[in-house]
Amino acid sequence: MRFYTVFDFIQPAMAASKIMAEAQVVIGLRVAGMAGMWPMGQAENDRMLAEKLQAGADAATAVMRSAIAGGSLPDMALAAMRPVGRKTKANLRRLSRKVQKS
């Protein structure tokens, strides 16, 4: 059995930090949108719930695949964060676009 050090978890910790920062901005933009201070699509509330379920299922699948392939704990942590990170990055990009006024 291999013993892990703090250095084994630097990359997963950085990935988690990035996801947390992106998620906070997305939450702020969505709250501003719900309050009418930021333009937001009508279906954003439904999308917000549906994507969490899908990202959670994708993360669980990724962890299981990593575990079956013999991945280490840091590998499994990164595998779990990849689908969630893709979703937070896409949401941040989509919600923070500048609105073109005509």
PDB file of N, CA and C in Angstrom:
ATOM      1  N   MET A   1       0.839  -1.181   0.000  1.00  0.00           N
ATOM      2  CA  MET A   1       0.000   0.000   0.000  1.00  0.00           C
ATOM      3  C   MET A   1       0.880   1.239   0.000  1.00  0.00           C
ATOM      4  N   ARG A   2       0.502   2.204  -0.807  1.00  0.00           N
ATOM      5  CA  ARG A   2       1.273   3.436  -0.937  1.00  0.00           C
ATOM      6  C   ARG A   2       0.746   4.471   0.041  1.00  0.00           C
ATOM      7  N   PHE A   3       1.663   5.168   0.672  1.00  0.00           N
ATOM      8  CA  PHE A   3       1.281   6.273   1.550  1.00  0.00           C
ATOM      9  C   PHE A   3       1.359   7.567   0.755  1.00  0.00           C
ATOM     10  N   TYR A   4       0.337   8.377   0.889  1.00  0.00           N
ATOM     11  CA  TYR A   4       0.266   9.624   0.151  1.00  0.00           C
ATOM     12  C   TYR A   4       0.851  10.755   0.977  1.00  0.00           C
ATOM     13  N   THR A   5       1.409  11.721   0.294  1.00  0.00           N
ATOM     14  CA  THR A   5       1.929  12.914   0.944  1.00  0.00           C
ATOM     15  C   THR A   5       1.050  14.099   0.547  1.00  0.00           C
ATOM     16  N   VAL A   6       1.316  15.211   1.155  1.00  0.00           N
ATOM     17  CA  VAL A   6       0.583  16.435   0.829  1.00  0.00           C
ATOM     18  C   VAL A   6       0.786  16.798  -0.637  1.00  0.00           C
ATOM     19  N   PHE A   7       1.956  16.520  -1.165  1.00  0.00           N
ATOM     20  CA  PHE A   7       2.272  16.893  -2.537  1.00  0.00           C
ATOM     21  C   PHE A   7       1.443  16.125  -3.560  1.00  0.00           C
ATOM     22  N   ASP A   8       0.956  14.959  -3.185  1.00  0.00           N
ATOM     23  CA  ASP A   8       0.106  14.179  -4.087  1.00  0.00           C
ATOM     24  C   ASP A   8      -1.239  14.859  -4.314  1.00  0.00           C
ATOM     25  N   PHE A   9      -1.626  15.714  -3.403  1.00  0.00           N
ATOM     26  CA  PHE A   9      -2.950  16.332  -3.476  1.00  0.00           C
ATOM     27  C   PHE A   9      -2.910  17.805  -3.881  1.00  0.00           C
ATOM     28  N   ILE A  10      -1.759  18.291  -4.330  1.00  0.00           N
ATOM     29  CA  ILE A  10      -1.676  19.699  -4.751  1.00  0.00           C
ATOM     30  C   ILE A  10      -2.537  19.931  -5.990  1.00  0.00           C
ATOM     31  N   GLN A  11      -2.401  19.074  -6.997  1.00  0.00           N
ATOM     32  CA  GLN A  11      -3.179  19.265  -8.219  1.00  0.00           C
ATOM     33  C   GLN A  11      -4.685  19.153  -7.963  1.00  0.00           C
ATOM     34  N   PRO A  12      -5.153  18.141  -7.221  1.00  0.00           N
ATOM     35  CA  PRO A  12      -6.594  18.121  -6.920  1.00  0.00           C
ATOM     36  C   PRO A  12      -7.053  19.334  -6.108  1.00  0.00           C
ATOM     37  N   ALA A  13      -6.221  19.815  -5.201  1.00  0.00           N
ATOM     38  CA  ALA A  13      -6.590  20.990  -4.405  1.00  0.00           C
ATOM     39  C   ALA A  13      -6.698  22.237  -5.289  1.00  0.00           C
ATOM     40  N   MET A  14      -5.785  22.369  -6.244  1.00  0.00           N
ATOM     41  CA  MET A  14      -5.847  23.519  -7.156  1.00  0.00           C
ATOM     42  C   MET A  14      -7.090  23.430  -8.048  1.00  0.00           C
ATOM     43  N   ALA A  15      -7.409  22.229  -8.512  1.00  0.00           N
ATOM     44  CA  ALA A  15      -8.606  22.052  -9.338  1.00  0.00           C
ATOM     45  C   ALA A  15      -9.862  22.382  -8.534  1.00  0.00           C
ATOM     46  N   ALA A  16      -9.911  21.943  -7.285  1.00  0.00           N
ATOM     47  CA  ALA A  16     -11.065  22.239  -6.429  1.00  0.00           C
ATOM     48  C   ALA A  16     -11.178  23.737  -6.172  1.00  0.00           C
ATOM     49  N   SER A  17     -10.055  24.407  -5.975  1.00  0.00           N
ATOM     50  CA  SER A  17     -10.066  25.857  -5.751  1.00  0.00           C
ATOM     51  C   SER A  17     -10.599  26.596  -6.965  1.00  0.00           C
ATOM     52  N   LYS A  18     -10.196  26.146  -8.149  1.00  0.00           N
ATOM     53  CA  LYS A  18     -10.674  26.786  -9.373  1.00  0.00           C
ATOM     54  C   LYS A  18     -12.183  26.598  -9.516  1.00  0.00           C
ATOM     55  N   ILE A  19     -12.651  25.387  -9.248  1.00  0.00           N
ATOM     56  CA  ILE A  19     -14.091  25.110  -9.342  1.00  0.00           C
ATOM     57  C   ILE A  19     -14.862  25.963  -8.346  1.00  0.00           C
ATOM     58  N   MET A  20     -14.344  26.081  -7.119  1.00  0.00           N
ATOM     59  CA  MET A  20     -15.034  26.895  -6.106  1.00  0.00           C
ATOM     60  C   MET A  20     -15.105  28.354  -6.514  1.00  0.00           C
ATOM     61  N   ALA A  21     -14.025  28.891  -7.063  1.00  0.00           N
ATOM     62  CA  ALA A  21     -14.019  30.295  -7.482  1.00  0.00           C
ATOM     63  C   ALA A  21     -15.005  30.518  -8.626  1.00  0.00           C
ATOM     64  N   GLU A  22     -14.981  29.618  -9.620  1.00  0.00           N
ATOM     65  CA  GLU A  22     -15.911  29.756 -10.737  1.00  0.00           C
ATOM     66  C   GLU A  22     -17.356  29.617 -10.266  1.00  0.00           C
ATOM     67  N   ALA A  23     -17.599  28.686  -9.360  1.00  0.00           N
ATOM     68  CA  ALA A  23     -18.959  28.480  -8.859  1.00  0.00           C
ATOM     69  C   ALA A  23     -19.474  29.712  -8.117  1.00  0.00           C
ATOM     70  N   GLN A  24     -18.613  30.364  -7.367  1.00  0.00           N
ATOM     71  CA  GLN A  24     -19.052  31.561  -6.640  1.00  0.00           C
ATOM     72  C   GLN A  24     -19.463  32.673  -7.593  1.00  0.00           C
ATOM     73  N   VAL A  25     -18.717  32.837  -8.677  1.00  0.00           N
ATOM     74  CA  VAL A  25     -19.076  33.861  -9.666  1.00  0.00           C
ATOM     75  C   VAL A  25     -20.392  33.483 -10.343  1.00  0.00           C
ATOM     76  N   VAL A  26     -20.541  32.216 -10.707  1.00  0.00           N
ATOM     77  CA  VAL A  26     -21.778  31.757 -11.344  1.00  0.00           C
ATOM     78  C   VAL A  26     -22.969  31.978 -10.412  1.00  0.00           C
ATOM     79  N   ILE A  27     -22.804  31.656  -9.132  1.00  0.00           N
ATOM     80  CA  ILE A  27     -23.887  31.870  -8.164  1.00  0.00           C
ATOM     81  C   ILE A  27     -24.236  33.353  -8.085  1.00  0.00           C
ATOM     82  N   GLY A  28     -23.229  34.199  -8.031  1.00  0.00           N
ATOM     83  CA  GLY A  28     -23.472  35.640  -7.977  1.00  0.00           C
ATOM     84  C   GLY A  28     -24.202  36.145  -9.208  1.00  0.00           C
ATOM     85  N   LEU A  29     -23.802  35.666 -10.389  1.00  0.00           N
ATOM     86  CA  LEU A  29     -24.463  36.102 -11.621  1.00  0.00           C
ATOM     87  C   LEU A  29     -25.902  35.596 -11.678  1.00  0.00           C
ATOM     88  N   ARG A  30     -26.121  34.390 -11.204  1.00  0.00           N
ATOM     89  CA  ARG A  30     -27.492  33.868 -11.214  1.00  0.00           C
ATOM     90  C   ARG A  30     -28.380  34.604 -10.221  1.00  0.00           C
ATOM     91  N   VAL A  31     -27.864  34.913  -9.059  1.00  0.00           N
ATOM     92  CA  VAL A  31     -28.647  35.679  -8.079  1.00  0.00           C
ATOM     93  C   VAL A  31     -28.948  37.066  -8.638  1.00  0.00           C
ATOM     94  N   ALA A  32     -27.952  37.693  -9.270  1.00  0.00           N
ATOM     95  CA  ALA A  32     -28.184  39.001  -9.896  1.00  0.00           C
ATOM     96  C   ALA A  32     -29.219  38.890 -11.002  1.00  0.00           C
ATOM     97  N   GLY A  33     -29.179  37.793 -11.747  1.00  0.00           N
ATOM     98  CA  GLY A  33     -30.165  37.582 -12.805  1.00  0.00           C
ATOM     99  C   GLY A  33     -31.566  37.399 -12.249  1.00  0.00           C
ATOM    100  N   MET A  34     -31.671  36.652 -11.150  1.00  0.00           N
ATOM    101  CA  MET A  34     -32.987  36.457 -10.528  1.00  0.00           C
ATOM    102  C   MET A  34     -33.542  37.757  -9.974  1.00  0.00           C
ATOM    103  N   ALA A  35     -32.646  38.649  -9.563  1.00  0.00           N
ATOM    104  CA  ALA A  35     -33.072  39.935  -9.020  1.00  0.00           C
ATOM    105  C   ALA A  35     -33.320  40.965 -10.117  1.00  0.00           C
ATOM    106  N   GLY A  36     -33.040  40.584 -11.369  1.00  0.00           N
ATOM    107  CA  GLY A  36     -33.270  41.499 -12.482  1.00  0.00           C
ATOM    108  C   GLY A  36     -32.133  42.463 -12.738  1.00  0.00           C
ATOM    109  N   MET A  37     -30.999  42.240 -12.117  1.00  0.00           N
ATOM    110  CA  MET A  37     -29.854  43.154 -12.290  1.00  0.00           C
ATOM    111  C   MET A  37     -28.884  42.668 -13.360  1.00  0.00           C
ATOM    112  N   TRP A  38     -29.089  41.470 -13.872  1.00  0.00           N
ATOM    113  CA  TRP A  38     -28.198  40.900 -14.881  1.00  0.00           C
ATOM    114  C   TRP A  38     -29.066  40.123 -15.863  1.00  0.00           C
ATOM    115  N   PRO A  39     -28.832  40.287 -17.163  1.00  0.00           N
ATOM    116  CA  PRO A  39     -29.666  39.574 -18.124  1.00  0.00           C
ATOM    117  C   PRO A  39     -29.459  38.064 -18.023  1.00  0.00           C
ATOM    118  N   MET A  40     -30.562  37.352 -17.958  1.00  0.00           N
ATOM    119  CA  MET A  40     -30.490  35.904 -17.803  1.00  0.00           C
ATOM    120  C   MET A  40     -31.681  35.284 -18.519  1.00  0.00           C
ATOM    121  N   GLY A  41     -31.457  34.152 -19.149  1.00  0.00           N
ATOM    122  CA  GLY A  41     -32.524  33.475 -19.883  1.00  0.00           C
ATOM    123  C   GLY A  41     -33.636  32.991 -18.972  1.00  0.00           C
ATOM    124  N   GLN A  42     -34.804  32.780 -19.557  1.00  0.00           N
ATOM    125  CA  GLN A  42     -35.972  32.342 -18.794  1.00  0.00           C
ATOM    126  C   GLN A  42     -35.790  30.943 -18.209  1.00  0.00           C
ATOM    127  N   ALA A  43     -35.057  30.095 -18.902  1.00  0.00           N
ATOM    128  CA  ALA A  43     -34.918  28.699 -18.494  1.00  0.00           C
ATOM    129  C   ALA A  43     -33.723  28.472 -17.559  1.00  0.00           C
ATOM    130  N   GLU A  44     -33.102  29.524 -17.102  1.00  0.00           N
ATOM    131  CA  GLU A  44     -31.882  29.379 -16.301  1.00  0.00           C
ATOM    132  C   GLU A  44     -32.127  28.644 -14.980  1.00  0.00           C
ATOM    133  N   ASN A  45     -33.247  28.894 -14.334  1.00  0.00           N
ATOM    134  CA  ASN A  45     -33.528  28.220 -13.064  1.00  0.00           C
ATOM    135  C   ASN A  45     -33.677  26.712 -13.247  1.00  0.00           C
ATOM    136  N   ASP A  46     -34.388  26.301 -14.298  1.00  0.00           N
ATOM    137  CA  ASP A  46     -34.533  24.872 -14.566  1.00  0.00           C
ATOM    138  C   ASP A  46     -33.195  24.257 -14.949  1.00  0.00           C
ATOM    139  N   ARG A  47     -32.444  24.980 -15.743  1.00  0.00           N
ATOM    140  CA  ARG A  47     -31.129  24.507 -16.179  1.00  0.00           C
ATOM    141  C   ARG A  47     -30.196  24.323 -14.992  1.00  0.00           C
ATOM    142  N   MET A  48     -30.287  25.243 -14.044  1.00  0.00           N
ATOM    143  CA  MET A  48     -29.436  25.224 -12.858  1.00  0.00           C
ATOM    144  C   MET A  48     -29.615  23.912 -12.089  1.00  0.00           C
ATOM    145  N   LEU A  49     -30.822  23.461 -11.951  1.00  0.00           N
ATOM    146  CA  LEU A  49     -31.082  22.216 -11.223  1.00  0.00           C
ATOM    147  C   LEU A  49     -30.704  20.979 -12.032  1.00  0.00           C
ATOM    148  N   ALA A  50     -31.064  20.979 -13.294  1.00  0.00           N
ATOM    149  CA  ALA A  50     -30.814  19.808 -14.130  1.00  0.00           C
ATOM    150  C   ALA A  50     -29.321  19.546 -14.309  1.00  0.00           C
ATOM    151  N   GLU A  51     -28.549  20.596 -14.457  1.00  0.00           N
ATOM    152  CA  GLU A  51     -27.108  20.400 -14.704  1.00  0.00           C
ATOM    153  C   GLU A  51     -26.393  19.870 -13.472  1.00  0.00           C
ATOM    154  N   LYS A  52     -26.888  20.192 -12.286  1.00  0.00           N
ATOM    155  CA  LYS A  52     -26.265  19.666 -11.070  1.00  0.00           C
ATOM    156  C   LYS A  52     -26.426  18.151 -10.993  1.00  0.00           C
ATOM    157  N   LEU A  53     -27.597  17.667 -11.330  1.00  0.00           N
ATOM    158  CA  LEU A  53     -27.842  16.228 -11.321  1.00  0.00           C
ATOM    159  C   LEU A  53     -26.952  15.528 -12.339  1.00  0.00           C
ATOM    160  N   GLN A  54     -26.858  16.097 -13.536  1.00  0.00           N
ATOM    161  CA  GLN A  54     -26.046  15.485 -14.587  1.00  0.00           C
ATOM    162  C   GLN A  54     -24.565  15.523 -14.232  1.00  0.00           C
ATOM    163  N   ALA A  55     -24.085  16.644 -13.706  1.00  0.00           N
ATOM    164  CA  ALA A  55     -22.673  16.750 -13.329  1.00  0.00           C
ATOM    165  C   ALA A  55     -22.341  15.781 -12.198  1.00  0.00           C
ATOM    166  N   GLY A  56     -23.248  15.616 -11.256  1.00  0.00           N
ATOM    167  CA  GLY A  56     -23.025  14.656 -10.172  1.00  0.00           C
ATOM    168  C   GLY A  56     -22.958  13.231 -10.672  1.00  0.00           C
ATOM    169  N   ALA A  57     -23.837  12.874 -11.594  1.00  0.00           N
ATOM    170  CA  ALA A  57     -23.812  11.527 -12.175  1.00  0.00           C
ATOM    171  C   ALA A  57     -22.546  11.311 -12.989  1.00  0.00           C
ATOM    172  N   ASP A  58     -22.147  12.328 -13.752  1.00  0.00           N
ATOM    173  CA  ASP A  58     -20.917  12.225 -14.539  1.00  0.00           C
ATOM    174  C   ASP A  58     -19.690  12.093 -13.642  1.00  0.00           C
ATOM    175  N   ALA A  59     -19.686  12.823 -12.526  1.00  0.00           N
ATOM    176  CA  ALA A  59     -18.563  12.740 -11.583  1.00  0.00           C
ATOM    177  C   ALA A  59     -18.484  11.355 -10.949  1.00  0.00           C
ATOM    178  N   ALA A  60     -19.623  10.803 -10.579  1.00  0.00           N
ATOM    179  CA  ALA A  60     -19.634   9.462  -9.986  1.00  0.00           C
ATOM    180  C   ALA A  60     -19.141   8.423 -10.983  1.00  0.00           C
ATOM    181  N   THR A  61     -19.575   8.546 -12.226  1.00  0.00           N
ATOM    182  CA  THR A  61     -19.118   7.631 -13.266  1.00  0.00           C
ATOM    183  C   THR A  61     -17.620   7.744 -13.478  1.00  0.00           C
ATOM    184  N   ALA A  62     -17.103   8.970 -13.494  1.00  0.00           N
ATOM    185  CA  ALA A  62     -15.674   9.180 -13.698  1.00  0.00           C
ATOM    186  C   ALA A  62     -14.850   8.584 -12.555  1.00  0.00           C
ATOM    187  N   VAL A  63     -15.340   8.720 -11.325  1.00  0.00           N
ATOM    188  CA  VAL A  63     -14.629   8.141 -10.174  1.00  0.00           C
ATOM    189  C   VAL A  63     -14.599   6.626 -10.285  1.00  0.00           C
ATOM    190  N   MET A  64     -15.725   6.038 -10.625  1.00  0.00           N
ATOM    191  CA  MET A  64     -15.779   4.580 -10.740  1.00  0.00           C
ATOM    192  C   MET A  64     -14.857   4.074 -11.840  1.00  0.00           C
ATOM    193  N   ARG A  65     -14.826   4.775 -12.961  1.00  0.00           N
ATOM    194  CA  ARG A  65     -13.928   4.367 -14.052  1.00  0.00           C
ATOM    195  C   ARG A  65     -12.473   4.477 -13.625  1.00  0.00           C
ATOM    196  N   SER A  66     -12.146   5.543 -12.920  1.00  0.00           N
ATOM    197  CA  SER A  66     -10.778   5.719 -12.437  1.00  0.00           C
ATOM    198  C   SER A  66     -10.411   4.632 -11.432  1.00  0.00           C
ATOM    199  N   ALA A  67     -11.331   4.297 -10.553  1.00  0.00           N
ATOM    200  CA  ALA A  67     -11.074   3.261  -9.552  1.00  0.00           C
ATOM    201  C   ALA A  67     -10.894   1.898 -10.208  1.00  0.00           C
ATOM    202  N   ILE A  68     -11.741   1.593 -11.183  1.00  0.00           N
ATOM    203  CA  ILE A  68     -11.648   0.308 -11.871  1.00  0.00           C
ATOM    204  C   ILE A  68     -10.329   0.206 -12.639  1.00  0.00           C
ATOM    205  N   ALA A  69      -9.866   1.333 -13.169  1.00  0.00           N
ATOM    206  CA  ALA A  69      -8.604   1.350 -13.914  1.00  0.00           C
ATOM    207  C   ALA A  69      -7.393   1.332 -12.987  1.00  0.00           C
ATOM    208  N   GLY A  70      -7.623   1.346 -11.678  1.00  0.00           N
ATOM    209  CA  GLY A  70      -6.508   1.303 -10.728  1.00  0.00           C
ATOM    210  C   GLY A  70      -5.929   2.654 -10.387  1.00  0.00           C
ATOM    211  N   GLY A  71      -6.714   3.700 -10.539  1.00  0.00           N
ATOM    212  CA  GLY A  71      -6.241   5.047 -10.248  1.00  0.00           C
ATOM    213  C   GLY A  71      -5.998   5.267  -8.758  1.00  0.00           C
ATOM    214  N   SER A  72      -5.104   6.170  -8.462  1.00  0.00           N
ATOM    215  CA  SER A  72      -4.813   6.516  -7.078  1.00  0.00           C
ATOM    216  C   SER A  72      -5.893   7.460  -6.549  1.00  0.00           C
ATOM    217  N   LEU A  73      -5.840   7.768  -5.263  1.00  0.00           N
ATOM    218  CA  LEU A  73      -6.811   8.709  -4.687  1.00  0.00           C
ATOM    219  C   LEU A  73      -6.774  10.070  -5.377  1.00  0.00           C
ATOM    220  N   PRO A  74      -5.578  10.650  -5.609  1.00  0.00           N
ATOM    221  CA  PRO A  74      -5.561  11.928  -6.332  1.00  0.00           C
ATOM    222  C   PRO A  74      -6.135  11.809  -7.748  1.00  0.00           C
ATOM    223  N   ASP A  75      -5.885  10.687  -8.421  1.00  0.00           N
ATOM    224  CA  ASP A  75      -6.442  10.483  -9.754  1.00  0.00           C
ATOM    225  C   ASP A  75      -7.965  10.431  -9.712  1.00  0.00           C
ATOM    226  N   MET A  76      -8.497   9.741  -8.706  1.00  0.00           N
ATOM    227  CA  MET A  76      -9.950   9.652  -8.573  1.00  0.00           C
ATOM    228  C   MET A  76     -10.556  11.013  -8.233  1.00  0.00           C
ATOM    229  N   ALA A  77      -9.863  11.778  -7.394  1.00  0.00           N
ATOM    230  CA  ALA A  77     -10.363  13.119  -7.054  1.00  0.00           C
ATOM    231  C   ALA A  77     -10.408  14.009  -8.293  1.00  0.00           C
ATOM    232  N   LEU A  78      -9.344  13.960  -9.089  1.00  0.00           N
ATOM    233  CA  LEU A  78      -9.325  14.757 -10.320  1.00  0.00           C
ATOM    234  C   LEU A  78     -10.391  14.290 -11.301  1.00  0.00           C
ATOM    235  N   ALA A  79     -10.577  12.978 -11.398  1.00  0.00           N
ATOM    236  CA  ALA A  79     -11.600  12.444 -12.300  1.00  0.00           C
ATOM    237  C   ALA A  79     -12.983  12.932 -11.894  1.00  0.00           C
ATOM    238  N   ALA A  80     -13.241  13.001 -10.598  1.00  0.00           N
ATOM    239  CA  ALA A  80     -14.541  13.472 -10.116  1.00  0.00           C
ATOM    240  C   ALA A  80     -14.747  14.952 -10.404  1.00  0.00           C
ATOM    241  N   MET A  81     -13.670  15.705 -10.370  1.00  0.00           N
ATOM    242  CA  MET A  81     -13.796  17.155 -10.552  1.00  0.00           C
ATOM    243  C   MET A  81     -13.864  17.582 -12.015  1.00  0.00           C
ATOM    244  N   ARG A  82     -13.405  16.746 -12.930  1.00  0.00           N
ATOM    245  CA  ARG A  82     -13.404  17.147 -14.340  1.00  0.00           C
ATOM    246  C   ARG A  82     -14.795  17.491 -14.873  1.00  0.00           C
ATOM    247  N   PRO A  83     -15.810  16.635 -14.704  1.00  0.00           N
ATOM    248  CA  PRO A  83     -17.135  17.006 -15.232  1.00  0.00           C
ATOM    249  C   PRO A  83     -17.720  18.247 -14.555  1.00  0.00           C
ATOM    250  N   VAL A  84     -17.497  18.370 -13.267  1.00  0.00           N
ATOM    251  CA  VAL A  84     -17.999  19.536 -12.530  1.00  0.00           C
ATOM    252  C   VAL A  84     -17.267  20.789 -12.996  1.00  0.00           C
ATOM    253  N   GLY A  85     -15.960  20.689 -13.165  1.00  0.00           N
ATOM    254  CA  GLY A  85     -15.164  21.828 -13.635  1.00  0.00           C
ATOM    255  C   GLY A  85     -15.552  22.275 -15.027  1.00  0.00           C
ATOM    256  N   ARG A  86     -15.830  21.313 -15.904  1.00  0.00           N
ATOM    257  CA  ARG A  86     -16.278  21.681 -17.255  1.00  0.00           C
ATOM    258  C   ARG A  86     -17.585  22.457 -17.191  1.00  0.00           C
ATOM    259  N   LYS A  87     -18.476  22.026 -16.306  1.00  0.00           N
ATOM    260  CA  LYS A  87     -19.776  22.679 -16.196  1.00  0.00           C
ATOM    261  C   LYS A  87     -19.651  24.080 -15.604  1.00  0.00           C
ATOM    262  N   THR A  88     -18.839  24.232 -14.550  1.00  0.00           N
ATOM    263  CA  THR A  88     -18.690  25.574 -13.961  1.00  0.00           C
ATOM    264  C   THR A  88     -18.015  26.523 -14.941  1.00  0.00           C
ATOM    265  N   LYS A  89     -17.032  26.012 -15.678  1.00  0.00           N
ATOM    266  CA  LYS A  89     -16.345  26.865 -16.661  1.00  0.00           C
ATOM    267  C   LYS A  89     -17.306  27.296 -17.764  1.00  0.00           C
ATOM    268  N   ALA A  90     -18.118  26.358 -18.262  1.00  0.00           N
ATOM    269  CA  ALA A  90     -19.081  26.683 -19.311  1.00  0.00           C
ATOM    270  C   ALA A  90     -20.134  27.673 -18.808  1.00  0.00           C
ATOM    271  N   ASN A  91     -20.609  27.476 -17.582  1.00  0.00           N
ATOM    272  CA  ASN A  91     -21.596  28.398 -17.018  1.00  0.00           C
ATOM    273  C   ASN A  91     -21.014  29.790 -16.839  1.00  0.00           C
ATOM    274  N   LEU A  92     -19.792  29.857 -16.355  1.00  0.00           N
ATOM    275  CA  LEU A  92     -19.147  31.158 -16.164  1.00  0.00           C
ATOM    276  C   LEU A  92     -19.017  31.882 -17.493  1.00  0.00           C
ATOM    277  N   ARG A  93     -18.580  31.165 -18.504  1.00  0.00           N
ATOM    278  CA  ARG A  93     -18.410  31.767 -19.833  1.00  0.00           C
ATOM    279  C   ARG A  93     -19.752  32.236 -20.380  1.00  0.00           C
ATOM    280  N   ARG A  94     -20.770  31.394 -20.258  1.00  0.00           N
ATOM    281  CA  ARG A  94     -22.082  31.721 -20.816  1.00  0.00           C
ATOM    282  C   ARG A  94     -22.747  32.876 -20.075  1.00  0.00           C
ATOM    283  N   LEU A  95     -22.707  32.851 -18.750  1.00  0.00           N
ATOM    284  CA  LEU A  95     -23.410  33.867 -17.970  1.00  0.00           C
ATOM    285  C   LEU A  95     -22.692  35.215 -17.944  1.00  0.00           C
ATOM    286  N   SER A  96     -21.403  35.212 -18.175  1.00  0.00           N
ATOM    287  CA  SER A  96     -20.659  36.470 -18.054  1.00  0.00           C
ATOM    288  C   SER A  96     -20.451  37.181 -19.396  1.00  0.00           C
ATOM    289  N   ARG A  97     -21.054  36.660 -20.452  1.00  0.00           N
ATOM    290  CA  ARG A  97     -20.938  37.351 -21.746  1.00  0.00           C
ATOM    291  C   ARG A  97     -21.532  38.747 -21.644  1.00  0.00           C
ATOM    292  N   LYS A  98     -20.882  39.647 -22.316  1.00  0.00           N
ATOM    293  CA  LYS A  98     -21.430  41.014 -22.331  1.00  0.00           C
ATOM    294  C   LYS A  98     -22.660  41.047 -23.217  1.00  0.00           C
ATOM    295  N   VAL A  99     -23.648  41.746 -22.759  1.00  0.00           N
ATOM    296  CA  VAL A  99     -24.887  41.852 -23.500  1.00  0.00           C
ATOM    297  C   VAL A  99     -24.717  42.909 -24.565  1.00  0.00           C
ATOM    298  N   GLN A 100     -25.040  42.545 -25.792  1.00  0.00           N
ATOM    299  CA  GLN A 100     -24.964  43.491 -26.908  1.00  0.00           C
ATOM    300  C   GLN A 100     -26.249  44.303 -26.967  1.00  0.00           C
ATOM    301  N   LYS A 101     -26.129  45.587 -26.833  1.00  0.00           N
ATOM    302  CA  LYS A 101     -27.323  46.439 -26.928  1.00  0.00           C
ATOM    303  C   LYS A 101     -27.496  46.865 -28.371  1.00  0.00           C
ATOM    304  N   SER A 102     -28.744  46.757 -28.829  1.00  0.00           N
ATOM    305  CA  SER A 102     -29.001  47.129 -30.218  1.00  0.00           C
ATOM    306  C   SER A 102     -29.611  48.494 -30.339  1.00  0.00           C
TER     307      SER A 102
END
